[in-house]
């Protein structure tokens, strides 16, 4: 098994790109905060009605509606539960 460490990664490949993190649960929160702490430009995509909007804003992250965040992101991470993916994206998709 190959194990990777910080020295194996180079942030220069993503630091000058906007990263959209869709979802702010346990995975979305961890990824968004880690990327932001590493100096990346992160935007979080959430439904307006999500309780996580206030949490993400309190953490100092910019929050946009899902579609807007995805359109702005050069890199898009979809970190919502499988059963909510289709509804979150509000579009027909090939995702299961």
PDB file of N, CA and C in Angstrom:
ATOM      1  N   UNK A   1       0.846  -1.176   0.000  1.00  0.00           N
ATOM      2  CA  UNK A   1       0.000   0.000   0.000  1.00  0.00           C
ATOM      3  C   UNK A   1       0.891   1.239   0.000  1.00  0.00           C
ATOM      4  N   UNK A   2       0.566   2.198  -0.867  1.00  0.00           N
ATOM      5  CA  UNK A   2       1.294   3.471  -0.940  1.00  0.00           C
ATOM      6  C   UNK A   2       0.696   4.451   0.063  1.00  0.00           C
ATOM      7  N   UNK A   3       1.531   5.039   0.892  1.00  0.00           N
ATOM      8  CA  UNK A   3       1.093   6.046   1.849  1.00  0.00           C
ATOM      9  C   UNK A   3       1.659   7.387   1.402  1.00  0.00           C
ATOM     10  N   UNK A   4       0.817   8.412   1.374  1.00  0.00           N
ATOM     11  CA  UNK A   4       1.242   9.741   0.951  1.00  0.00           C
ATOM     12  C   UNK A   4       1.313  10.671   2.158  1.00  0.00           C
ATOM     13  N   UNK A   5       2.263  11.577   2.131  1.00  0.00           N
ATOM     14  CA  UNK A   5       2.484  12.538   3.209  1.00  0.00           C
ATOM     15  C   UNK A   5       2.444  13.952   2.642  1.00  0.00           C
ATOM     16  N   UNK A   6       2.464  14.958   3.517  1.00  0.00           N
ATOM     17  CA  UNK A   6       2.436  16.349   3.070  1.00  0.00           C
ATOM     18  C   UNK A   6       3.527  16.632   2.042  1.00  0.00           C
ATOM     19  N   UNK A   7       4.686  16.084   2.231  1.00  0.00           N
ATOM     20  CA  UNK A   7       5.800  16.349   1.315  1.00  0.00           C
ATOM     21  C   UNK A   7       5.531  15.804  -0.097  1.00  0.00           C
ATOM     22  N   UNK A   8       4.550  14.905  -0.220  1.00  0.00           N
ATOM     23  CA  UNK A   8       4.218  14.325  -1.520  1.00  0.00           C
ATOM     24  C   UNK A   8       3.232  15.183  -2.312  1.00  0.00           C
ATOM     25  N   UNK A   9       2.673  16.190  -1.669  1.00  0.00           N
ATOM     26  CA  UNK A   9       1.664  17.031  -2.314  1.00  0.00           C
ATOM     27  C   UNK A   9       2.240  18.413  -2.592  1.00  0.00           C
ATOM     28  N   UNK A  10       1.759  19.047  -3.651  1.00  0.00           N
ATOM     29  CA  UNK A  10       2.209  20.383  -4.007  1.00  0.00           C
ATOM     30  C   UNK A  10       0.980  21.258  -4.257  1.00  0.00           C
ATOM     31  N   UNK A  11       0.741  22.198  -3.353  1.00  0.00           N
ATOM     32  CA  UNK A  11      -0.437  23.058  -3.435  1.00  0.00           C
ATOM     33  C   UNK A  11      -0.446  23.978  -4.645  1.00  0.00           C
ATOM     34  N   UNK A  12       0.686  24.148  -5.309  1.00  0.00           N
ATOM     35  CA  UNK A  12       0.730  25.077  -6.440  1.00  0.00           C
ATOM     36  C   UNK A  12      -0.257  24.691  -7.544  1.00  0.00           C
ATOM     37  N   UNK A  13      -0.656  23.443  -7.574  1.00  0.00           N
ATOM     38  CA  UNK A  13      -1.576  22.992  -8.614  1.00  0.00           C
ATOM     39  C   UNK A  13      -3.013  23.432  -8.367  1.00  0.00           C
ATOM     40  N   UNK A  14      -3.342  23.790  -7.136  1.00  0.00           N
ATOM     41  CA  UNK A  14      -4.731  24.176  -6.847  1.00  0.00           C
ATOM     42  C   UNK A  14      -4.863  25.547  -6.198  1.00  0.00           C
ATOM     43  N   UNK A  15      -3.785  26.140  -5.715  1.00  0.00           N
ATOM     44  CA  UNK A  15      -3.906  27.398  -4.978  1.00  0.00           C
ATOM     45  C   UNK A  15      -4.415  28.563  -5.805  1.00  0.00           C
ATOM     46  N   UNK A  16      -4.231  28.571  -7.088  1.00  0.00           N
ATOM     47  CA  UNK A  16      -4.693  29.678  -7.916  1.00  0.00           C
ATOM     48  C   UNK A  16      -5.999  29.356  -8.636  1.00  0.00           C
ATOM     49  N   UNK A  17      -6.708  28.377  -8.142  1.00  0.00           N
ATOM     50  CA  UNK A  17      -7.988  27.987  -8.734  1.00  0.00           C
ATOM     51  C   UNK A  17      -9.095  28.110  -7.694  1.00  0.00           C
ATOM     52  N   UNK A  18     -10.283  28.443  -8.160  1.00  0.00           N
ATOM     53  CA  UNK A  18     -11.422  28.496  -7.238  1.00  0.00           C
ATOM     54  C   UNK A  18     -11.950  27.079  -7.049  1.00  0.00           C
ATOM     55  N   UNK A  19     -12.113  26.700  -5.797  1.00  0.00           N
ATOM     56  CA  UNK A  19     -12.587  25.360  -5.472  1.00  0.00           C
ATOM     57  C   UNK A  19     -13.981  25.475  -4.861  1.00  0.00           C
ATOM     58  N   UNK A  20     -14.938  24.817  -5.482  1.00  0.00           N
ATOM     59  CA  UNK A  20     -16.305  24.794  -4.969  1.00  0.00           C
ATOM     60  C   UNK A  20     -16.510  23.490  -4.214  1.00  0.00           C
ATOM     61  N   UNK A  21     -16.902  23.606  -2.962  1.00  0.00           N
ATOM     62  CA  UNK A  21     -17.227  22.438  -2.142  1.00  0.00           C
ATOM     63  C   UNK A  21     -18.738  22.432  -1.982  1.00  0.00           C
ATOM     64  N   UNK A  22     -19.381  21.426  -2.560  1.00  0.00           N
ATOM     65  CA  UNK A  22     -20.838  21.324  -2.491  1.00  0.00           C
ATOM     66  C   UNK A  22     -21.184  20.438  -1.298  1.00  0.00           C
ATOM     67  N   UNK A  23     -21.798  21.038  -0.308  1.00  0.00           N
ATOM     68  CA  UNK A  23     -22.128  20.335   0.930  1.00  0.00           C
ATOM     69  C   UNK A  23     -21.204  20.772   2.051  1.00  0.00           C
ATOM     70  N   UNK A  24     -21.723  20.819   3.269  1.00  0.00           N
ATOM     71  CA  UNK A  24     -20.925  21.241   4.416  1.00  0.00           C
ATOM     72  C   UNK A  24     -21.236  20.368   5.630  1.00  0.00           C
ATOM     73  N   UNK A  25     -21.363  19.051   5.362  1.00  0.00           N
ATOM     74  CA  UNK A  25     -21.515  18.092   6.460  1.00  0.00           C
ATOM     75  C   UNK A  25     -20.126  17.724   6.955  1.00  0.00           C
ATOM     76  N   UNK A  26     -19.950  16.530   7.456  1.00  0.00           N
ATOM     77  CA  UNK A  26     -18.649  16.148   8.011  1.00  0.00           C
ATOM     78  C   UNK A  26     -17.544  16.185   6.955  1.00  0.00           C
ATOM     79  N   UNK A  27     -17.808  15.683   5.753  1.00  0.00           N
ATOM     80  CA  UNK A  27     -16.789  15.682   4.696  1.00  0.00           C
ATOM     81  C   UNK A  27     -16.598  17.074   4.089  1.00  0.00           C
ATOM     82  N   UNK A  28     -17.688  17.738   3.740  1.00  0.00           N
ATOM     83  CA  UNK A  28     -17.593  19.065   3.137  1.00  0.00           C
ATOM     84  C   UNK A  28     -16.924  20.065   4.062  1.00  0.00           C
ATOM     85  N   UNK A  29     -17.293  20.011   5.337  1.00  0.00           N
ATOM     86  CA  UNK A  29     -16.700  20.907   6.336  1.00  0.00           C
ATOM     87  C   UNK A  29     -15.194  20.677   6.421  1.00  0.00           C
ATOM     88  N   UNK A  30     -14.792  19.425   6.544  1.00  0.00           N
ATOM     89  CA  UNK A  30     -13.366  19.102   6.683  1.00  0.00           C
ATOM     90  C   UNK A  30     -12.570  19.534   5.455  1.00  0.00           C
ATOM     91  N   UNK A  31     -13.068  19.219   4.274  1.00  0.00           N
ATOM     92  CA  UNK A  31     -12.351  19.587   3.048  1.00  0.00           C
ATOM     93  C   UNK A  31     -12.303  21.105   2.864  1.00  0.00           C
ATOM     94  N   UNK A  32     -13.434  21.773   3.046  1.00  0.00           N
ATOM     95  CA  UNK A  32     -13.478  23.224   2.847  1.00  0.00           C
ATOM     96  C   UNK A  32     -12.529  23.942   3.804  1.00  0.00           C
ATOM     97  N   UNK A  33     -12.542  23.557   5.059  1.00  0.00           N
ATOM     98  CA  UNK A  33     -11.689  24.217   6.048  1.00  0.00           C
ATOM     99  C   UNK A  33     -10.209  23.931   5.792  1.00  0.00           C
ATOM    100  N   UNK A  34      -9.898  22.694   5.453  1.00  0.00           N
ATOM    101  CA  UNK A  34      -8.511  22.325   5.179  1.00  0.00           C
ATOM    102  C   UNK A  34      -7.981  23.099   3.976  1.00  0.00           C
ATOM    103  N   UNK A  35      -8.773  23.172   2.921  1.00  0.00           N
ATOM    104  CA  UNK A  35      -8.356  23.906   1.729  1.00  0.00           C
ATOM    105  C   UNK A  35      -8.208  25.401   2.018  1.00  0.00           C
ATOM    106  N   UNK A  36      -9.166  25.973   2.732  1.00  0.00           N
ATOM    107  CA  UNK A  36      -9.100  27.400   3.073  1.00  0.00           C
ATOM    108  C   UNK A  36      -7.882  27.674   3.959  1.00  0.00           C
ATOM    109  N   UNK A  37      -7.636  26.810   4.931  1.00  0.00           N
ATOM    110  CA  UNK A  37      -6.471  26.973   5.810  1.00  0.00           C
ATOM    111  C   UNK A  37      -5.161  26.858   5.043  1.00  0.00           C
ATOM    112  N   UNK A  38      -5.193  26.170   3.905  1.00  0.00           N
ATOM    113  CA  UNK A  38      -4.003  26.007   3.068  1.00  0.00           C
ATOM    114  C   UNK A  38      -3.851  27.144   2.060  1.00  0.00           C
ATOM    115  N   UNK A  39      -4.741  28.123   2.136  1.00  0.00           N
ATOM    116  CA  UNK A  39      -4.633  29.289   1.281  1.00  0.00           C
ATOM    117  C   UNK A  39      -5.376  29.198  -0.034  1.00  0.00           C
ATOM    118  N   UNK A  40      -6.229  28.205  -0.176  1.00  0.00           N
ATOM    119  CA  UNK A  40      -6.998  28.051  -1.415  1.00  0.00           C
ATOM    120  C   UNK A  40      -8.240  28.930  -1.385  1.00  0.00           C
ATOM    121  N   UNK A  41      -8.724  29.290  -2.558  1.00  0.00           N
ATOM    122  CA  UNK A  41      -9.938  30.095  -2.719  1.00  0.00           C
ATOM    123  C   UNK A  41     -11.123  29.136  -2.749  1.00  0.00           C
ATOM    124  N   UNK A  42     -11.868  29.094  -1.651  1.00  0.00           N
ATOM    125  CA  UNK A  42     -12.955  28.121  -1.492  1.00  0.00           C
ATOM    126  C   UNK A  42     -14.302  28.821  -1.427  1.00  0.00           C
ATOM    127  N   UNK A  43     -15.270  28.276  -2.137  1.00  0.00           N
ATOM    128  CA  UNK A  43     -16.647  28.705  -2.020  1.00  0.00           C
ATOM    129  C   UNK A  43     -17.472  27.456  -1.699  1.00  0.00           C
ATOM    130  N   UNK A  44     -18.429  27.593  -0.796  1.00  0.00           N
ATOM    131  CA  UNK A  44     -19.264  26.457  -0.393  1.00  0.00           C
ATOM    132  C   UNK A  44     -20.633  26.603  -1.051  1.00  0.00           C
ATOM    133  N   UNK A  45     -21.109  25.538  -1.673  1.00  0.00           N
ATOM    134  CA  UNK A  45     -22.422  25.522  -2.295  1.00  0.00           C
ATOM    135  C   UNK A  45     -23.430  24.818  -1.413  1.00  0.00           C
ATOM    136  N   UNK A  46     -24.494  25.541  -1.050  1.00  0.00           N
ATOM    137  CA  UNK A  46     -25.542  24.986  -0.186  1.00  0.00           C
ATOM    138  C   UNK A  46     -26.903  25.500  -0.624  1.00  0.00           C
ATOM    139  N   UNK A  47     -27.939  24.742  -0.285  1.00  0.00           N
ATOM    140  CA  UNK A  47     -29.301  25.227  -0.462  1.00  0.00           C
ATOM    141  C   UNK A  47     -29.502  26.387   0.513  1.00  0.00           C
ATOM    142  N   UNK A  48     -30.315  27.361   0.116  1.00  0.00           N
ATOM    143  CA  UNK A  48     -30.585  28.506   0.994  1.00  0.00           C
ATOM    144  C   UNK A  48     -31.187  28.090   2.327  1.00  0.00           C
ATOM    145  N   UNK A  49     -31.891  26.968   2.336  1.00  0.00           N
ATOM    146  CA  UNK A  49     -32.590  26.516   3.537  1.00  0.00           C
ATOM    147  C   UNK A  49     -31.715  25.653   4.451  1.00  0.00           C
ATOM    148  N   UNK A  50     -30.496  25.384   4.051  1.00  0.00           N
ATOM    149  CA  UNK A  50     -29.627  24.513   4.832  1.00  0.00           C
ATOM    150  C   UNK A  50     -29.190  25.173   6.139  1.00  0.00           C
ATOM    151  N   UNK A  51     -29.230  24.400   7.207  1.00  0.00           N
ATOM    152  CA  UNK A  51     -28.747  24.889   8.504  1.00  0.00           C
ATOM    153  C   UNK A  51     -27.238  25.118   8.470  1.00  0.00           C
ATOM    154  N   UNK A  52     -26.576  24.535   7.503  1.00  0.00           N
ATOM    155  CA  UNK A  52     -25.120  24.666   7.402  1.00  0.00           C
ATOM    156  C   UNK A  52     -24.672  26.005   6.831  1.00  0.00           C
ATOM    157  N   UNK A  53     -25.592  26.779   6.264  1.00  0.00           N
ATOM    158  CA  UNK A  53     -25.224  28.093   5.723  1.00  0.00           C
ATOM    159  C   UNK A  53     -24.584  28.941   6.816  1.00  0.00           C
ATOM    160  N   UNK A  54     -25.246  29.038   7.956  1.00  0.00           N
ATOM    161  CA  UNK A  54     -24.730  29.845   9.065  1.00  0.00           C
ATOM    162  C   UNK A  54     -23.396  29.291   9.582  1.00  0.00           C
ATOM    163  N   UNK A  55     -23.271  27.967   9.617  1.00  0.00           N
ATOM    164  CA  UNK A  55     -22.026  27.355  10.092  1.00  0.00           C
ATOM    165  C   UNK A  55     -20.860  27.687   9.174  1.00  0.00           C
ATOM    166  N   UNK A  56     -21.077  27.595   7.874  1.00  0.00           N
ATOM    167  CA  UNK A  56     -20.015  27.883   6.913  1.00  0.00           C
ATOM    168  C   UNK A  56     -19.643  29.367   6.955  1.00  0.00           C
ATOM    169  N   UNK A  57     -20.642  30.225   7.053  1.00  0.00           N
ATOM    170  CA  UNK A  57     -20.369  31.660   7.125  1.00  0.00           C
ATOM    171  C   UNK A  57     -19.616  32.009   8.408  1.00  0.00           C
ATOM    172  N   UNK A  58     -20.018  31.398   9.511  1.00  0.00           N
ATOM    173  CA  UNK A  58     -19.340  31.638  10.783  1.00  0.00           C
ATOM    174  C   UNK A  58     -17.879  31.190  10.709  1.00  0.00           C
ATOM    175  N   UNK A  59     -17.608  30.172   9.911  1.00  0.00           N
ATOM    176  CA  UNK A  59     -16.241  29.679   9.742  1.00  0.00           C
ATOM    177  C   UNK A  59     -15.434  30.578   8.801  1.00  0.00           C
ATOM    178  N   UNK A  60     -16.090  31.622   8.255  1.00  0.00           N
ATOM    179  CA  UNK A  60     -15.397  32.571   7.395  1.00  0.00           C
ATOM    180  C   UNK A  60     -15.388  32.205   5.924  1.00  0.00           C
ATOM    181  N   UNK A  61     -16.237  31.258   5.534  1.00  0.00           N
ATOM    182  CA  UNK A  61     -16.299  30.822   4.139  1.00  0.00           C
ATOM    183  C   UNK A  61     -17.409  31.540   3.394  1.00  0.00           C
ATOM    184  N   UNK A  62     -17.209  31.739   2.113  1.00  0.00           N
ATOM    185  CA  UNK A  62     -18.236  32.335   1.264  1.00  0.00           C
ATOM    186  C   UNK A  62     -19.207  31.234   0.860  1.00  0.00           C
ATOM    187  N   UNK A  63     -20.495  31.513   0.973  1.00  0.00           N
ATOM    188  CA  UNK A  63     -21.533  30.537   0.652  1.00  0.00           C
ATOM    189  C   UNK A  63     -22.385  31.068  -0.491  1.00  0.00           C
ATOM    190  N   UNK A  64     -22.619  30.202  -1.464  1.00  0.00           N
ATOM    191  CA  UNK A  64     -23.468  30.523  -2.609  1.00  0.00           C
ATOM    192  C   UNK A  64     -24.468  29.391  -2.810  1.00  0.00           C
ATOM    193  N   UNK A  65     -25.555  29.656  -3.551  1.00  0.00           N
ATOM    194  CA  UNK A  65     -26.439  28.555  -3.930  1.00  0.00           C
ATOM    195  C   UNK A  65     -25.628  27.516  -4.719  1.00  0.00           C
ATOM    196  N   UNK A  66     -26.043  26.279  -4.677  1.00  0.00           N
ATOM    197  CA  UNK A  66     -25.300  25.162  -5.265  1.00  0.00           C
ATOM    198  C   UNK A  66     -24.926  25.420  -6.726  1.00  0.00           C
ATOM    199  N   UNK A  67     -25.882  25.802  -7.531  1.00  0.00           N
ATOM    200  CA  UNK A  67     -25.612  26.009  -8.958  1.00  0.00           C
ATOM    201  C   UNK A  67     -24.550  27.091  -9.177  1.00  0.00           C
ATOM    202  N   UNK A  68     -24.676  28.206  -8.476  1.00  0.00           N
ATOM    203  CA  UNK A  68     -23.702  29.295  -8.615  1.00  0.00           C
ATOM    204  C   UNK A  68     -22.309  28.855  -8.191  1.00  0.00           C
ATOM    205  N   UNK A  69     -22.225  28.156  -7.084  1.00  0.00           N
ATOM    206  CA  UNK A  69     -20.921  27.692  -6.595  1.00  0.00           C
ATOM    207  C   UNK A  69     -20.282  26.756  -7.612  1.00  0.00           C
ATOM    208  N   UNK A  70     -21.069  25.829  -8.149  1.00  0.00           N
ATOM    209  CA  UNK A  70     -20.547  24.872  -9.125  1.00  0.00           C
ATOM    210  C   UNK A  70     -20.093  25.577 -10.398  1.00  0.00           C
ATOM    211  N   UNK A  71     -20.836  26.600 -10.820  1.00  0.00           N
ATOM    212  CA  UNK A  71     -20.454  27.344 -12.022  1.00  0.00           C
ATOM    213  C   UNK A  71     -19.167  28.135 -11.815  1.00  0.00           C
ATOM    214  N   UNK A  72     -18.950  28.626 -10.610  1.00  0.00           N
ATOM    215  CA  UNK A  72     -17.756  29.416 -10.317  1.00  0.00           C
ATOM    216  C   UNK A  72     -16.520  28.559 -10.086  1.00  0.00           C
ATOM    217  N   UNK A  73     -16.719  27.332  -9.652  1.00  0.00           N
ATOM    218  CA  UNK A  73     -15.584  26.486  -9.316  1.00  0.00           C
ATOM    219  C   UNK A  73     -14.843  25.954 -10.527  1.00  0.00           C
ATOM    220  N   UNK A  74     -13.530  26.053 -10.492  1.00  0.00           N
ATOM    221  CA  UNK A  74     -12.704  25.392 -11.505  1.00  0.00           C
ATOM    222  C   UNK A  74     -12.515  23.928 -11.111  1.00  0.00           C
ATOM    223  N   UNK A  75     -12.555  23.705  -9.817  1.00  0.00           N
ATOM    224  CA  UNK A  75     -12.540  22.361  -9.243  1.00  0.00           C
ATOM    225  C   UNK A  75     -13.812  22.268  -8.403  1.00  0.00           C
ATOM    226  N   UNK A  76     -14.605  21.226  -8.617  1.00  0.00           N
ATOM    227  CA  UNK A  76     -15.866  21.079  -7.881  1.00  0.00           C
ATOM    228  C   UNK A  76     -15.852  19.757  -7.140  1.00  0.00           C
ATOM    229  N   UNK A  77     -16.048  19.837  -5.833  1.00  0.00           N
ATOM    230  CA  UNK A  77     -16.118  18.641  -4.990  1.00  0.00           C
ATOM    231  C   UNK A  77     -17.566  18.475  -4.548  1.00  0.00           C
ATOM    232  N   UNK A  78     -18.176  17.352  -4.898  1.00  0.00           N
ATOM    233  CA  UNK A  78     -19.565  17.105  -4.511  1.00  0.00           C
ATOM    234  C   UNK A  78     -19.539  16.188  -3.293  1.00  0.00           C
ATOM    235  N   UNK A  79     -19.827  16.776  -2.145  1.00  0.00           N
ATOM    236  CA  UNK A  79     -19.705  16.057  -0.878  1.00  0.00           C
ATOM    237  C   UNK A  79     -21.033  16.062  -0.126  1.00  0.00           C
ATOM    238  N   UNK A  80     -22.059  15.592  -0.808  1.00  0.00           N
ATOM    239  CA  UNK A  80     -23.379  15.445  -0.198  1.00  0.00           C
ATOM    240  C   UNK A  80     -23.724  13.961  -0.196  1.00  0.00           C
ATOM    241  N   UNK A  81     -24.594  13.544   0.701  1.00  0.00           N
ATOM    242  CA  UNK A  81     -24.979  12.135   0.729  1.00  0.00           C
ATOM    243  C   UNK A  81     -25.565  11.689  -0.617  1.00  0.00           C
ATOM    244  N   UNK A  82     -25.317  10.464  -0.983  1.00  0.00           N
ATOM    245  CA  UNK A  82     -25.762   9.919  -2.267  1.00  0.00           C
ATOM    246  C   UNK A  82     -27.244  10.153  -2.499  1.00  0.00           C
ATOM    247  N   UNK A  83     -28.052   9.952  -1.479  1.00  0.00           N
ATOM    248  CA  UNK A  83     -29.502  10.087  -1.648  1.00  0.00           C
ATOM    249  C   UNK A  83     -29.943  11.536  -1.874  1.00  0.00           C
ATOM    250  N   UNK A  84     -29.069  12.508  -1.665  1.00  0.00           N
ATOM    251  CA  UNK A  84     -29.425  13.915  -1.864  1.00  0.00           C
ATOM    252  C   UNK A  84     -28.786  14.528  -3.108  1.00  0.00           C
ATOM    253  N   UNK A  85     -27.923  13.784  -3.781  1.00  0.00           N
ATOM    254  CA  UNK A  85     -27.177  14.348  -4.918  1.00  0.00           C
ATOM    255  C   UNK A  85     -28.070  14.955  -5.986  1.00  0.00           C
ATOM    256  N   UNK A  86     -29.029  14.183  -6.456  1.00  0.00           N
ATOM    257  CA  UNK A  86     -29.891  14.644  -7.540  1.00  0.00           C
ATOM    258  C   UNK A  86     -30.635  15.916  -7.147  1.00  0.00           C
ATOM    259  N   UNK A  87     -31.200  15.933  -5.952  1.00  0.00           N
ATOM    260  CA  UNK A  87     -31.941  17.105  -5.494  1.00  0.00           C
ATOM    261  C   UNK A  87     -31.039  18.310  -5.299  1.00  0.00           C
ATOM    262  N   UNK A  88     -29.821  18.084  -4.862  1.00  0.00           N
ATOM    263  CA  UNK A  88     -28.893  19.194  -4.648  1.00  0.00           C
ATOM    264  C   UNK A  88     -28.490  19.847  -5.948  1.00  0.00           C
ATOM    265  N   UNK A  89     -28.333  19.063  -6.984  1.00  0.00           N
ATOM    266  CA  UNK A  89     -27.878  19.605  -8.256  1.00  0.00           C
ATOM    267  C   UNK A  89     -29.018  20.188  -9.090  1.00  0.00           C
ATOM    268  N   UNK A  90     -30.258  19.831  -8.776  1.00  0.00           N
ATOM    269  CA  UNK A  90     -31.446  20.328  -9.482  1.00  0.00           C
ATOM    270  C   UNK A  90     -31.321  20.180 -11.001  1.00  0.00           C
ATOM    271  N   UNK A  91     -30.766  19.095 -11.417  1.00  0.00           N
ATOM    272  CA  UNK A  91     -30.632  18.827 -12.852  1.00  0.00           C
ATOM    273  C   UNK A  91     -30.578  17.322 -13.055  1.00  0.00           C
ATOM    274  N   UNK A  92     -31.001  16.872 -14.215  1.00  0.00           N
ATOM    275  CA  UNK A  92     -30.869  15.455 -14.510  1.00  0.00           C
ATOM    276  C   UNK A  92     -29.394  15.118 -14.580  1.00  0.00           C
ATOM    277  N   UNK A  93     -29.080  13.965 -14.109  1.00  0.00           N
ATOM    278  CA  UNK A  93     -27.672  13.605 -13.985  1.00  0.00           C
ATOM    279  C   UNK A  93     -27.497  12.120 -14.225  1.00  0.00           C
ATOM    280  N   UNK A  94     -26.281  11.743 -14.528  1.00  0.00           N
ATOM    281  CA  UNK A  94     -25.961  10.324 -14.676  1.00  0.00           C
ATOM    282  C   UNK A  94     -25.564   9.721 -13.330  1.00  0.00           C
ATOM    283  N   UNK A  95     -25.519  10.570 -12.277  1.00  0.00           N
ATOM    284  CA  UNK A  95     -25.127  10.054 -10.959  1.00  0.00           C
ATOM    285  C   UNK A  95     -26.177   9.104 -10.416  1.00  0.00           C
ATOM    286  N   UNK A  96     -25.734   8.086  -9.701  1.00  0.00           N
ATOM    287  CA  UNK A  96     -26.700   7.118  -9.147  1.00  0.00           C
ATOM    288  C   UNK A  96     -27.576   7.765  -8.076  1.00  0.00           C
TER     289      UNK A  96
END
